Amino acid sequence: MHELSIALSIVEMGIEESNKRGGAKVDAVHLKLGRLSGVVKDALLFSWEIACQGTTLESSRLEITEIPVVVHCENCKTDRTIAEINNFLCPVCNAPTPEVMQGRELEVTALEIIE
């Protein structure tokens, strides 16, 4: 389960930031998670509890914003959100849409720190 190693990396980053602030407690970590990131949200949330034990992030929340897959349709000349990640066709004109504009994100966007 690679979600545990991802959780551990995020916790490590949070600890570094906490240490810069004199060991302040991290209350929440905000994360953007794209549907094409290859990360299973529930597995990451489960791993979060384990990764935080005994750190300044213990009892912190992992707030995940799920990012949909958006592709560019050359036929329509616009970006479209697709519902199925196994079907890269424009939902309007049904043309193949291989150009992914968003949906691969795995990005920490903010930390809530209690000082």
PDB file of N, CA and C in Angstrom:
ATOM      1  N   MET A   1       0.850  -1.173   0.000  1.00  0.00           N
ATOM      2  CA  MET A   1       0.000   0.000   0.000  1.00  0.00           C
ATOM      3  C   MET A   1       0.897   1.237   0.000  1.00  0.00           C
ATOM      4  N   HIS A   2       0.988   1.894  -1.164  1.00  0.00           N
ATOM      5  CA  HIS A   2       1.851   3.073  -1.263  1.00  0.00           C
ATOM      6  C   HIS A   2       1.239   4.301  -0.593  1.00  0.00           C
ATOM      7  N   GLU A   3      -0.028   4.231  -0.219  1.00  0.00           N
ATOM      8  CA  GLU A   3      -0.661   5.347   0.480  1.00  0.00           C
ATOM      9  C   GLU A   3       0.013   5.618   1.827  1.00  0.00           C
ATOM     10  N   LEU A   4       0.515   4.573   2.486  1.00  0.00           N
ATOM     11  CA  LEU A   4       1.213   4.765   3.760  1.00  0.00           C
ATOM     12  C   LEU A   4       2.491   5.563   3.541  1.00  0.00           C
ATOM     13  N   SER A   5       3.242   5.258   2.501  1.00  0.00           N
ATOM     14  CA  SER A   5       4.471   6.020   2.254  1.00  0.00           C
ATOM     15  C   SER A   5       4.154   7.463   1.881  1.00  0.00           C
ATOM     16  N   ILE A   6       3.056   7.686   1.189  1.00  0.00           N
ATOM     17  CA  ILE A   6       2.635   9.055   0.869  1.00  0.00           C
ATOM     18  C   ILE A   6       2.256   9.783   2.152  1.00  0.00           C
ATOM     19  N   ALA A   7       1.483   9.129   3.006  1.00  0.00           N
ATOM     20  CA  ALA A   7       1.088   9.735   4.282  1.00  0.00           C
ATOM     21  C   ALA A   7       2.325  10.065   5.117  1.00  0.00           C
ATOM     22  N   LEU A   8       3.276   9.164   5.163  1.00  0.00           N
ATOM     23  CA  LEU A   8       4.505   9.403   5.927  1.00  0.00           C
ATOM     24  C   LEU A   8       5.278  10.601   5.380  1.00  0.00           C
ATOM     25  N   SER A   9       5.313  10.757   4.062  1.00  0.00           N
ATOM     26  CA  SER A   9       5.995  11.907   3.456  1.00  0.00           C
ATOM     27  C   SER A   9       5.308  13.217   3.807  1.00  0.00           C
ATOM     28  N   ILE A  10       3.975  13.212   3.791  1.00  0.00           N
ATOM     29  CA  ILE A  10       3.223  14.425   4.139  1.00  0.00           C
ATOM     30  C   ILE A  10       3.432  14.763   5.617  1.00  0.00           C
ATOM     31  N   VAL A  11       3.425  13.742   6.464  1.00  0.00           N
ATOM     32  CA  VAL A  11       3.653  13.962   7.896  1.00  0.00           C
ATOM     33  C   VAL A  11       5.055  14.529   8.114  1.00  0.00           C
ATOM     34  N   GLU A  12       6.034  13.997   7.412  1.00  0.00           N
ATOM     35  CA  GLU A  12       7.413  14.489   7.538  1.00  0.00           C
ATOM     36  C   GLU A  12       7.486  15.973   7.176  1.00  0.00           C
ATOM     37  N   MET A  13       6.791  16.352   6.107  1.00  0.00           N
ATOM     38  CA  MET A  13       6.756  17.749   5.712  1.00  0.00           C
ATOM     39  C   MET A  13       6.085  18.597   6.799  1.00  0.00           C
ATOM     40  N   GLY A  14       4.998  18.087   7.361  1.00  0.00           N
ATOM     41  CA  GLY A  14       4.306  18.792   8.437  1.00  0.00           C
ATOM     42  C   GLY A  14       5.169  18.947   9.676  1.00  0.00           C
ATOM     43  N   ILE A  15       5.941  17.923  10.003  1.00  0.00           N
ATOM     44  CA  ILE A  15       6.859  17.982  11.153  1.00  0.00           C
ATOM     45  C   ILE A  15       7.920  19.051  10.927  1.00  0.00           C
ATOM     46  N   GLU A  16       8.462  19.115   9.714  1.00  0.00           N
ATOM     47  CA  GLU A  16       9.468  20.136   9.395  1.00  0.00           C
ATOM     48  C   GLU A  16       8.896  21.533   9.605  1.00  0.00           C
ATOM     49  N   GLU A  17       7.673  21.742   9.132  1.00  0.00           N
ATOM     50  CA  GLU A  17       7.039  23.059   9.290  1.00  0.00           C
ATOM     51  C   GLU A  17       6.756  23.338  10.768  1.00  0.00           C
ATOM     52  N   SER A  18       6.323  22.318  11.493  1.00  0.00           N
ATOM     53  CA  SER A  18       6.069  22.451  12.925  1.00  0.00           C
ATOM     54  C   SER A  18       7.350  22.833  13.668  1.00  0.00           C
ATOM     55  N   ASN A  19       8.443  22.191  13.313  1.00  0.00           N
ATOM     56  CA  ASN A  19       9.729  22.474  13.955  1.00  0.00           C
ATOM     57  C   ASN A  19      10.198  23.905  13.691  1.00  0.00           C
ATOM     58  N   LYS A  20       9.892  24.433  12.504  1.00  0.00           N
ATOM     59  CA  LYS A  20      10.241  25.821  12.187  1.00  0.00           C
ATOM     60  C   LYS A  20       9.501  26.794  13.105  1.00  0.00           C
ATOM     61  N   ARG A  21       8.393  26.325  13.660  1.00  0.00           N
ATOM     62  CA  ARG A  21       7.553  27.174  14.518  1.00  0.00           C
ATOM     63  C   ARG A  21       7.634  26.725  15.982  1.00  0.00           C
ATOM     64  N   GLY A  22       8.757  26.142  16.354  1.00  0.00           N
ATOM     65  CA  GLY A  22       8.994  25.780  17.748  1.00  0.00           C
ATOM     66  C   GLY A  22       8.192  24.585  18.227  1.00  0.00           C
ATOM     67  N   GLY A  23       7.866  23.670  17.345  1.00  0.00           N
ATOM     68  CA  GLY A  23       7.124  22.469  17.736  1.00  0.00           C
ATOM     69  C   GLY A  23       5.627  22.677  17.836  1.00  0.00           C
ATOM     70  N   ALA A  24       5.110  23.685  17.128  1.00  0.00           N
ATOM     71  CA  ALA A  24       3.667  23.966  17.138  1.00  0.00           C
ATOM     72  C   ALA A  24       2.894  22.761  16.619  1.00  0.00           C
ATOM     73  N   LYS A  25       1.701  22.570  17.150  1.00  0.00           N
ATOM     74  CA  LYS A  25       0.859  21.439  16.765  1.00  0.00           C
ATOM     75  C   LYS A  25       0.164  21.722  15.431  1.00  0.00           C
ATOM     76  N   VAL A  26       0.188  20.742  14.550  1.00  0.00           N
ATOM     77  CA  VAL A  26      -0.521  20.842  13.276  1.00  0.00           C
ATOM     78  C   VAL A  26      -1.929  20.308  13.490  1.00  0.00           C
ATOM     79  N   ASP A  27      -2.920  21.131  13.188  1.00  0.00           N
ATOM     80  CA  ASP A  27      -4.318  20.758  13.378  1.00  0.00           C
ATOM     81  C   ASP A  27      -4.899  20.090  12.134  1.00  0.00           C
ATOM     82  N   ALA A  28      -4.482  20.542  10.947  1.00  0.00           N
ATOM     83  CA  ALA A  28      -5.021  19.971   9.712  1.00  0.00           C
ATOM     84  C   ALA A  28      -4.044  20.163   8.563  1.00  0.00           C
ATOM     85  N   VAL A  29      -4.100  19.219   7.638  1.00  0.00           N
ATOM     86  CA  VAL A  29      -3.350  19.306   6.389  1.00  0.00           C
ATOM     87  C   VAL A  29      -4.381  19.249   5.269  1.00  0.00           C
ATOM     88  N   HIS A  30      -4.281  20.200   4.334  1.00  0.00           N
ATOM     89  CA  HIS A  30      -5.203  20.246   3.200  1.00  0.00           C
ATOM     90  C   HIS A  30      -4.480  19.726   1.966  1.00  0.00           C
ATOM     91  N   LEU A  31      -5.146  18.836   1.258  1.00  0.00           N
ATOM     92  CA  LEU A  31      -4.536  18.126   0.142  1.00  0.00           C
ATOM     93  C   LEU A  31      -5.473  18.112  -1.052  1.00  0.00           C
ATOM     94  N   LYS A  32      -4.923  18.389  -2.245  1.00  0.00           N
ATOM     95  CA  LYS A  32      -5.662  18.200  -3.492  1.00  0.00           C
ATOM     96  C   LYS A  32      -5.294  16.820  -4.010  1.00  0.00           C
ATOM     97  N   LEU A  33      -6.313  16.027  -4.338  1.00  0.00           N
ATOM     98  CA  LEU A  33      -6.094  14.657  -4.796  1.00  0.00           C
ATOM     99  C   LEU A  33      -6.855  14.425  -6.092  1.00  0.00           C
ATOM    100  N   GLY A  34      -6.122  14.308  -7.185  1.00  0.00           N
ATOM    101  CA  GLY A  34      -6.730  14.078  -8.495  1.00  0.00           C
ATOM    102  C   GLY A  34      -7.155  12.630  -8.667  1.00  0.00           C
ATOM    103  N   ARG A  35      -8.213  12.445  -9.445  1.00  0.00           N
ATOM    104  CA  ARG A  35      -8.731  11.092  -9.664  1.00  0.00           C
ATOM    105  C   ARG A  35      -7.742  10.214 -10.422  1.00  0.00           C
ATOM    106  N   LEU A  36      -6.799  10.805 -11.139  1.00  0.00           N
ATOM    107  CA  LEU A  36      -5.794  10.031 -11.878  1.00  0.00           C
ATOM    108  C   LEU A  36      -4.465   9.924 -11.130  1.00  0.00           C
ATOM    109  N   SER A  37      -4.440  10.342  -9.875  1.00  0.00           N
ATOM    110  CA  SER A  37      -3.187  10.335  -9.106  1.00  0.00           C
ATOM    111  C   SER A  37      -2.713   8.927  -8.765  1.00  0.00           C
ATOM    112  N   GLY A  38      -3.609   7.962  -8.807  1.00  0.00           N
ATOM    113  CA  GLY A  38      -3.244   6.602  -8.433  1.00  0.00           C
ATOM    114  C   GLY A  38      -3.312   6.361  -6.932  1.00  0.00           C
ATOM    115  N   VAL A  39      -3.855   7.330  -6.198  1.00  0.00           N
ATOM    116  CA  VAL A  39      -3.955   7.227  -4.746  1.00  0.00           C
ATOM    117  C   VAL A  39      -5.414   6.978  -4.378  1.00  0.00           C
ATOM    118  N   VAL A  40      -5.624   5.989  -3.516  1.00  0.00           N
ATOM    119  CA  VAL A  40      -6.976   5.660  -3.045  1.00  0.00           C
ATOM    120  C   VAL A  40      -7.250   6.491  -1.797  1.00  0.00           C
ATOM    121  N   LYS A  41      -8.264   7.349  -1.887  1.00  0.00           N
ATOM    122  CA  LYS A  41      -8.569   8.285  -0.806  1.00  0.00           C
ATOM    123  C   LYS A  41      -8.764   7.577   0.534  1.00  0.00           C
ATOM    124  N   ASP A  42      -9.583   6.542   0.582  1.00  0.00           N
ATOM    125  CA  ASP A  42      -9.851   5.852   1.847  1.00  0.00           C
ATOM    126  C   ASP A  42      -8.602   5.211   2.433  1.00  0.00           C
ATOM    127  N   ALA A  43      -7.750   4.663   1.579  1.00  0.00           N
ATOM    128  CA  ALA A  43      -6.503   4.060   2.058  1.00  0.00           C
ATOM    129  C   ALA A  43      -5.562   5.135   2.601  1.00  0.00           C
ATOM    130  N   LEU A  44      -5.558   6.311   1.965  1.00  0.00           N
ATOM    131  CA  LEU A  44      -4.724   7.405   2.452  1.00  0.00           C
ATOM    132  C   LEU A  44      -5.228   7.902   3.800  1.00  0.00           C
ATOM    133  N   LEU A  45      -6.530   8.038   3.957  1.00  0.00           N
ATOM    134  CA  LEU A  45      -7.094   8.470   5.238  1.00  0.00           C
ATOM    135  C   LEU A  45      -6.797   7.467   6.348  1.00  0.00           C
ATOM    136  N   PHE A  46      -6.887   6.176   6.037  1.00  0.00           N
ATOM    137  CA  PHE A  46      -6.560   5.133   7.012  1.00  0.00           C
ATOM    138  C   PHE A  46      -5.081   5.212   7.393  1.00  0.00           C
ATOM    139  N   SER A  47      -4.227   5.388   6.399  1.00  0.00           N
ATOM    140  CA  SER A  47      -2.778   5.474   6.633  1.00  0.00           C
ATOM    141  C   SER A  47      -2.407   6.716   7.422  1.00  0.00           C
ATOM    142  N   TRP A  48      -3.185   7.757   7.275  1.00  0.00           N
ATOM    143  CA  TRP A  48      -2.913   9.026   7.962  1.00  0.00           C
ATOM    144  C   TRP A  48      -2.856   8.842   9.474  1.00  0.00           C
ATOM    145  N   GLU A  49      -3.821   8.117   9.998  1.00  0.00           N
ATOM    146  CA  GLU A  49      -3.867   7.873  11.449  1.00  0.00           C
ATOM    147  C   GLU A  49      -2.585   7.198  11.934  1.00  0.00           C
ATOM    148  N   ILE A  50      -2.135   6.224  11.198  1.00  0.00           N
ATOM    149  CA  ILE A  50      -0.922   5.474  11.559  1.00  0.00           C
ATOM    150  C   ILE A  50       0.313   6.366  11.453  1.00  0.00           C
ATOM    151  N   ALA A  51       0.408   7.115  10.357  1.00  0.00           N
ATOM    152  CA  ALA A  51       1.590   7.938  10.099  1.00  0.00           C
ATOM    153  C   ALA A  51       1.754   9.065  11.121  1.00  0.00           C
ATOM    154  N   CYS A  52       0.659   9.543  11.675  1.00  0.00           N
ATOM    155  CA  CYS A  52       0.697  10.687  12.598  1.00  0.00           C
ATOM    156  C   CYS A  52       1.010  10.312  14.043  1.00  0.00           C
ATOM    157  N   GLN A  53       0.895   9.051  14.384  1.00  0.00           N
ATOM    158  CA  GLN A  53       1.079   8.631  15.778  1.00  0.00           C
ATOM    159  C   GLN A  53       2.430   9.072  16.320  1.00  0.00           C
ATOM    160  N   GLY A  54       2.386   9.706  17.497  1.00  0.00           N
ATOM    161  CA  GLY A  54       3.603  10.122  18.176  1.00  0.00           C
ATOM    162  C   GLY A  54       4.288  11.341  17.590  1.00  0.00           C
ATOM    163  N   THR A  55       3.592  12.086  16.725  1.00  0.00           N
ATOM    164  CA  THR A  55       4.185  13.276  16.114  1.00  0.00           C
ATOM    165  C   THR A  55       3.354  14.506  16.481  1.00  0.00           C
ATOM    166  N   THR A  56       3.826  15.670  16.049  1.00  0.00           N
ATOM    167  CA  THR A  56       3.073  16.907  16.267  1.00  0.00           C
ATOM    168  C   THR A  56       1.817  16.960  15.393  1.00  0.00           C
ATOM    169  N   LEU A  57       1.631  15.963  14.557  1.00  0.00           N
ATOM    170  CA  LEU A  57       0.427  15.886  13.731  1.00  0.00           C
ATOM    171  C   LEU A  57      -0.590  14.901  14.293  1.00  0.00           C
ATOM    172  N   GLU A  58      -0.263  14.276  15.431  1.00  0.00           N
ATOM    173  CA  GLU A  58      -1.198  13.326  16.036  1.00  0.00           C
ATOM    174  C   GLU A  58      -2.531  14.031  16.294  1.00  0.00           C
ATOM    175  N   SER A  59      -3.617  13.387  15.960  1.00  0.00           N
ATOM    176  CA  SER A  59      -4.982  13.909  16.068  1.00  0.00           C
ATOM    177  C   SER A  59      -5.301  14.992  15.033  1.00  0.00           C
ATOM    178  N   SER A  60      -4.414  15.200  14.071  1.00  0.00           N
ATOM    179  CA  SER A  60      -4.701  16.190  13.031  1.00  0.00           C
ATOM    180  C   SER A  60      -5.647  15.581  11.986  1.00  0.00           C
ATOM    181  N   ARG A  61      -6.258  16.473  11.230  1.00  0.00           N
ATOM    182  CA  ARG A  61      -7.168  16.058  10.163  1.00  0.00           C
ATOM    183  C   ARG A  61      -6.451  16.132   8.819  1.00  0.00           C
ATOM    184  N   LEU A  62      -6.749  15.196   7.957  1.00  0.00           N
ATOM    185  CA  LEU A  62      -6.302  15.262   6.574  1.00  0.00           C
ATOM    186  C   LEU A  62      -7.535  15.630   5.761  1.00  0.00           C
ATOM    187  N   GLU A  63      -7.576  16.870   5.299  1.00  0.00           N
ATOM    188  CA  GLU A  63      -8.715  17.385   4.534  1.00  0.00           C
ATOM    189  C   GLU A  63      -8.402  17.230   3.052  1.00  0.00           C
ATOM    190  N   ILE A  64      -9.137  16.359   2.383  1.00  0.00           N
ATOM    191  CA  ILE A  64      -8.859  16.048   0.985  1.00  0.00           C
ATOM    192  C   ILE A  64      -9.917  16.669   0.086  1.00  0.00           C
ATOM    193  N   THR A  65      -9.454  17.425  -0.903  1.00  0.00           N
ATOM    194  CA  THR A  65     -10.315  17.942  -1.954  1.00  0.00           C
ATOM    195  C   THR A  65     -10.055  17.089  -3.189  1.00  0.00           C
ATOM    196  N   GLU A  66     -11.080  16.389  -3.631  1.00  0.00           N
ATOM    197  CA  GLU A  66     -10.928  15.534  -4.804  1.00  0.00           C
ATOM    198  C   GLU A  66     -11.060  16.371  -6.078  1.00  0.00           C
ATOM    199  N   ILE A  67     -10.118  16.178  -6.974  1.00  0.00           N
ATOM    200  CA  ILE A  67     -10.070  16.937  -8.217  1.00  0.00           C
ATOM    201  C   ILE A  67     -10.531  16.037  -9.362  1.00  0.00           C
ATOM    202  N   PRO A  68     -11.557  16.474 -10.101  1.00  0.00           N
ATOM    203  CA  PRO A  68     -12.058  15.657 -11.212  1.00  0.00           C
ATOM    204  C   PRO A  68     -11.078  15.668 -12.388  1.00  0.00           C
ATOM    205  N   VAL A  69     -11.301  14.775 -13.323  1.00  0.00           N
ATOM    206  CA  VAL A  69     -10.481  14.716 -14.527  1.00  0.00           C
ATOM    207  C   VAL A  69     -11.083  15.673 -15.557  1.00  0.00           C
ATOM    208  N   VAL A  70     -10.242  16.589 -16.019  1.00  0.00           N
ATOM    209  CA  VAL A  70     -10.643  17.529 -17.062  1.00  0.00           C
ATOM    210  C   VAL A  70      -9.729  17.302 -18.254  1.00  0.00           C
ATOM    211  N   VAL A  71     -10.334  17.141 -19.414  1.00  0.00           N
ATOM    212  CA  VAL A  71      -9.588  16.912 -20.645  1.00  0.00           C
ATOM    213  C   VAL A  71      -9.900  18.036 -21.631  1.00  0.00           C
ATOM    214  N   HIS A  72      -9.020  18.206 -22.602  1.00  0.00           N
ATOM    215  CA  HIS A  72      -9.267  19.200 -23.650  1.00  0.00           C
ATOM    216  C   HIS A  72      -9.797  18.478 -24.882  1.00  0.00           C
ATOM    217  N   CYS A  73     -10.958  18.914 -25.345  1.00  0.00           N
ATOM    218  CA  CYS A  73     -11.540  18.348 -26.562  1.00  0.00           C
ATOM    219  C   CYS A  73     -11.141  19.240 -27.734  1.00  0.00           C
ATOM    220  N   GLU A  74     -10.381  18.676 -28.628  1.00  0.00           N
ATOM    221  CA  GLU A  74      -9.940  19.429 -29.806  1.00  0.00           C
ATOM    222  C   GLU A  74     -11.114  19.712 -30.741  1.00  0.00           C
ATOM    223  N   ASN A  75     -12.077  18.818 -30.789  1.00  0.00           N
ATOM    224  CA  ASN A  75     -13.277  19.024 -31.626  1.00  0.00           C
ATOM    225  C   ASN A  75     -14.083  20.228 -31.161  1.00  0.00           C
ATOM    226  N   CYS A  76     -14.365  20.269 -29.865  1.00  0.00           N
ATOM    227  CA  CYS A  76     -15.184  21.339 -29.280  1.00  0.00           C
ATOM    228  C   CYS A  76     -14.362  22.590 -28.975  1.00  0.00           C
ATOM    229  N   LYS A  77     -13.026  22.440 -28.977  1.00  0.00           N
ATOM    230  CA  LYS A  77     -12.105  23.533 -28.648  1.00  0.00           C
ATOM    231  C   LYS A  77     -12.331  24.063 -27.229  1.00  0.00           C
ATOM    232  N   THR A  78     -12.599  23.140 -26.311  1.00  0.00           N
ATOM    233  CA  THR A  78     -12.825  23.534 -24.918  1.00  0.00           C
ATOM    234  C   THR A  78     -12.436  22.393 -23.986  1.00  0.00           C
ATOM    235  N   ASP A  79     -12.339  22.717 -22.698  1.00  0.00           N
ATOM    236  CA  ASP A  79     -12.044  21.709 -21.682  1.00  0.00           C
ATOM    237  C   ASP A  79     -13.349  21.118 -21.175  1.00  0.00           C
ATOM    238  N   ARG A  80     -13.321  19.803 -20.936  1.00  0.00           N
ATOM    239  CA  ARG A  80     -14.509  19.094 -20.463  1.00  0.00           C
ATOM    240  C   ARG A  80     -14.150  18.189 -19.293  1.00  0.00           C
ATOM    241  N   THR A  81     -15.048  18.107 -18.318  1.00  0.00           N
ATOM    242  CA  THR A  81     -14.899  17.166 -17.211  1.00  0.00           C
ATOM    243  C   THR A  81     -15.470  15.829 -17.651  1.00  0.00           C
ATOM    244  N   ILE A  82     -14.695  14.763 -17.439  1.00  0.00           N
ATOM    245  CA  ILE A  82     -15.199  13.430 -17.783  1.00  0.00           C
ATOM    246  C   ILE A  82     -15.564  12.689 -16.504  1.00  0.00           C
ATOM    247  N   ALA A  83     -16.610  11.896 -16.612  1.00  0.00           N
ATOM    248  CA  ALA A  83     -17.119  11.172 -15.442  1.00  0.00           C
ATOM    249  C   ALA A  83     -16.348   9.877 -15.197  1.00  0.00           C
ATOM    250  N   GLU A  84     -15.981   9.196 -16.245  1.00  0.00           N
ATOM    251  CA  GLU A  84     -15.319   7.894 -16.136  1.00  0.00           C
ATOM    252  C   GLU A  84     -13.851   8.010 -16.510  1.00  0.00           C
ATOM    253  N   ILE A  85     -12.973   7.573 -15.627  1.00  0.00           N
ATOM    254  CA  ILE A  85     -11.541   7.671 -15.928  1.00  0.00           C
ATOM    255  C   ILE A  85     -11.074   6.570 -16.873  1.00  0.00           C
ATOM    256  N   ASN A  86     -11.959   5.667 -17.223  1.00  0.00           N
ATOM    257  CA  ASN A  86     -11.628   4.608 -18.186  1.00  0.00           C
ATOM    258  C   ASN A  86     -12.106   4.959 -19.585  1.00  0.00           C
ATOM    259  N   ASN A  87     -12.711   6.147 -19.754  1.00  0.00           N
ATOM    260  CA  ASN A  87     -13.310   6.518 -21.019  1.00  0.00           C
ATOM    261  C   ASN A  87     -12.931   7.962 -21.336  1.00  0.00           C
ATOM    262  N   PHE A  88     -11.864   8.145 -22.087  1.00  0.00           N
ATOM    263  CA  PHE A  88     -11.391   9.482 -22.408  1.00  0.00           C
ATOM    264  C   PHE A  88     -12.020   9.969 -23.710  1.00  0.00           C
ATOM    265  N   LEU A  89     -13.339  10.117 -23.655  1.00  0.00           N
ATOM    266  CA  LEU A  89     -14.095  10.664 -24.772  1.00  0.00           C
ATOM    267  C   LEU A  89     -14.817  11.907 -24.294  1.00  0.00           C
ATOM    268  N   CYS A  90     -14.919  12.880 -25.180  1.00  0.00           N
ATOM    269  CA  CYS A  90     -15.640  14.102 -24.843  1.00  0.00           C
ATOM    270  C   CYS A  90     -17.095  13.748 -24.538  1.00  0.00           C
ATOM    271  N   PRO A  91     -17.620  14.212 -23.399  1.00  0.00           N
ATOM    272  CA  PRO A  91     -18.999  13.888 -23.050  1.00  0.00           C
ATOM    273  C   PRO A  91     -20.030  14.598 -23.940  1.00  0.00           C
ATOM    274  N   VAL A  92     -19.595  15.566 -24.755  1.00  0.00           N
ATOM    275  CA  VAL A  92     -20.518  16.292 -25.621  1.00  0.00           C
ATOM    276  C   VAL A  92     -20.509  15.738 -27.044  1.00  0.00           C
ATOM    277  N   CYS A  93     -19.306  15.633 -27.641  1.00  0.00           N
ATOM    278  CA  CYS A  93     -19.232  15.206 -29.054  1.00  0.00           C
ATOM    279  C   CYS A  93     -18.714  13.786 -29.234  1.00  0.00           C
ATOM    280  N   ASN A  94     -18.285  13.156 -28.143  1.00  0.00           N
ATOM    281  CA  ASN A  94     -17.813  11.765 -28.151  1.00  0.00           C
ATOM    282  C   ASN A  94     -16.465  11.565 -28.862  1.00  0.00           C
ATOM    283  N   ALA A  95     -15.726  12.648 -29.077  1.00  0.00           N
ATOM    284  CA  ALA A  95     -14.401  12.549 -29.715  1.00  0.00           C
ATOM    285  C   ALA A  95     -13.373  12.095 -28.690  1.00  0.00           C
ATOM    286  N   PRO A  96     -12.328  11.371 -29.121  1.00  0.00           N
ATOM    287  CA  PRO A  96     -11.240  11.005 -28.202  1.00  0.00           C
ATOM    288  C   PRO A  96     -10.571  12.263 -27.643  1.00  0.00           C
ATOM    289  N   THR A  97     -10.259  12.245 -26.341  1.00  0.00           N
ATOM    290  CA  THR A  97      -9.675  13.414 -25.673  1.00  0.00           C
ATOM    291  C   THR A  97      -8.467  13.005 -24.835  1.00  0.00           C
ATOM    292  N   PRO A  98      -7.318  12.790 -25.485  1.00  0.00           N
ATOM    293  CA  PRO A  98      -6.148  12.312 -24.740  1.00  0.00           C
ATOM    294  C   PRO A  98      -5.414  13.383 -23.926  1.00  0.00           C
ATOM    295  N   GLU A  99      -5.716  14.663 -24.143  1.00  0.00           N
ATOM    296  CA  GLU A  99      -4.988  15.727 -23.451  1.00  0.00           C
ATOM    297  C   GLU A  99      -5.624  16.030 -22.090  1.00  0.00           C
ATOM    298  N   VAL A 100      -4.952  15.592 -21.018  1.00  0.00           N
ATOM    299  CA  VAL A 100      -5.458  15.776 -19.654  1.00  0.00           C
ATOM    300  C   VAL A 100      -5.010  17.137 -19.133  1.00  0.00           C
ATOM    301  N   MET A 101      -5.982  17.939 -18.693  1.00  0.00           N
ATOM    302  CA  MET A 101      -5.706  19.279 -18.179  1.00  0.00           C
ATOM    303  C   MET A 101      -5.590  19.284 -16.652  1.00  0.00           C
ATOM    304  N   GLN A 102      -6.367  18.449 -15.986  1.00  0.00           N
ATOM    305  CA  GLN A 102      -6.280  18.313 -14.534  1.00  0.00           C
ATOM    306  C   GLN A 102      -6.791  16.946 -14.129  1.00  0.00           C
ATOM    307  N   GLY A 103      -6.396  16.544 -12.903  1.00  0.00           N
ATOM    308  CA  GLY A 103      -6.832  15.255 -12.384  1.00  0.00           C
ATOM    309  C   GLY A 103      -5.694  14.377 -11.909  1.00  0.00           C
ATOM    310  N   ARG A 104      -4.462  14.841 -12.101  1.00  0.00           N
ATOM    311  CA  ARG A 104      -3.288  14.071 -11.649  1.00  0.00           C
ATOM    312  C   ARG A 104      -2.713  14.604 -10.334  1.00  0.00           C
ATOM    313  N   GLU A 105      -3.331  15.602  -9.760  1.00  0.00           N
ATOM    314  CA  GLU A 105      -2.778  16.306  -8.602  1.00  0.00           C
ATOM    315  C   GLU A 105      -2.614  15.406  -7.375  1.00  0.00           C
ATOM    316  N   LEU A 106      -1.551  15.664  -6.670  1.00  0.00           N
ATOM    317  CA  LEU A 106      -1.312  15.152  -5.315  1.00  0.00           C
ATOM    318  C   LEU A 106      -0.484  16.256  -4.668  1.00  0.00           C
ATOM    319  N   GLU A 107      -1.194  17.226  -4.077  1.00  0.00           N
ATOM    320  CA  GLU A 107      -0.555  18.463  -3.676  1.00  0.00           C
ATOM    321  C   GLU A 107      -1.065  18.945  -2.315  1.00  0.00           C
ATOM    322  N   VAL A 108      -0.130  19.172  -1.415  1.00  0.00           N
ATOM    323  CA  VAL A 108      -0.473  19.792  -0.129  1.00  0.00           C
ATOM    324  C   VAL A 108      -0.664  21.275  -0.405  1.00  0.00           C
ATOM    325  N   THR A 109      -1.842  21.777  -0.051  1.00  0.00           N
ATOM    326  CA  THR A 109      -2.148  23.187  -0.345  1.00  0.00           C
ATOM    327  C   THR A 109      -2.066  24.081   0.884  1.00  0.00           C
ATOM    328  N   ALA A 110      -2.233  23.495   2.077  1.00  0.00           N
ATOM    329  CA  ALA A 110      -2.202  24.321   3.295  1.00  0.00           C
ATOM    330  C   ALA A 110      -2.021  23.459   4.529  1.00  0.00           C
ATOM    331  N   LEU A 111      -1.465  24.072   5.559  1.00  0.00           N
ATOM    332  CA  LEU A 111      -1.364  23.480   6.884  1.00  0.00           C
ATOM    333  C   LEU A 111      -2.060  24.414   7.852  1.00  0.00           C
ATOM    334  N   GLU A 112      -2.861  23.863   8.757  1.00  0.00           N
ATOM    335  CA  GLU A 112      -3.429  24.651   9.847  1.00  0.00           C
ATOM    336  C   GLU A 112      -2.593  24.342  11.071  1.00  0.00           C
ATOM    337  N   ILE A 113      -1.954  25.381  11.621  1.00  0.00           N
ATOM    338  CA  ILE A 113      -1.034  25.198  12.736  1.00  0.00           C
ATOM    339  C   ILE A 113      -1.555  25.974  13.939  1.00  0.00           C
ATOM    340  N   ILE A 114      -1.525  25.330  15.095  1.00  0.00           N
ATOM    341  CA  ILE A 114      -1.912  25.969  16.347  1.00  0.00           C
ATOM    342  C   ILE A 114      -0.637  26.431  17.036  1.00  0.00           C
ATOM    343  N   GLU A 115      -0.476  27.728  17.197  1.00  0.00           N
ATOM    344  CA  GLU A 115       0.752  28.245  17.818  1.00  0.00           C
ATOM    345  C   GLU A 115       0.497  28.688  19.223  1.00  0.00           C
TER     346      GLU A 115
END
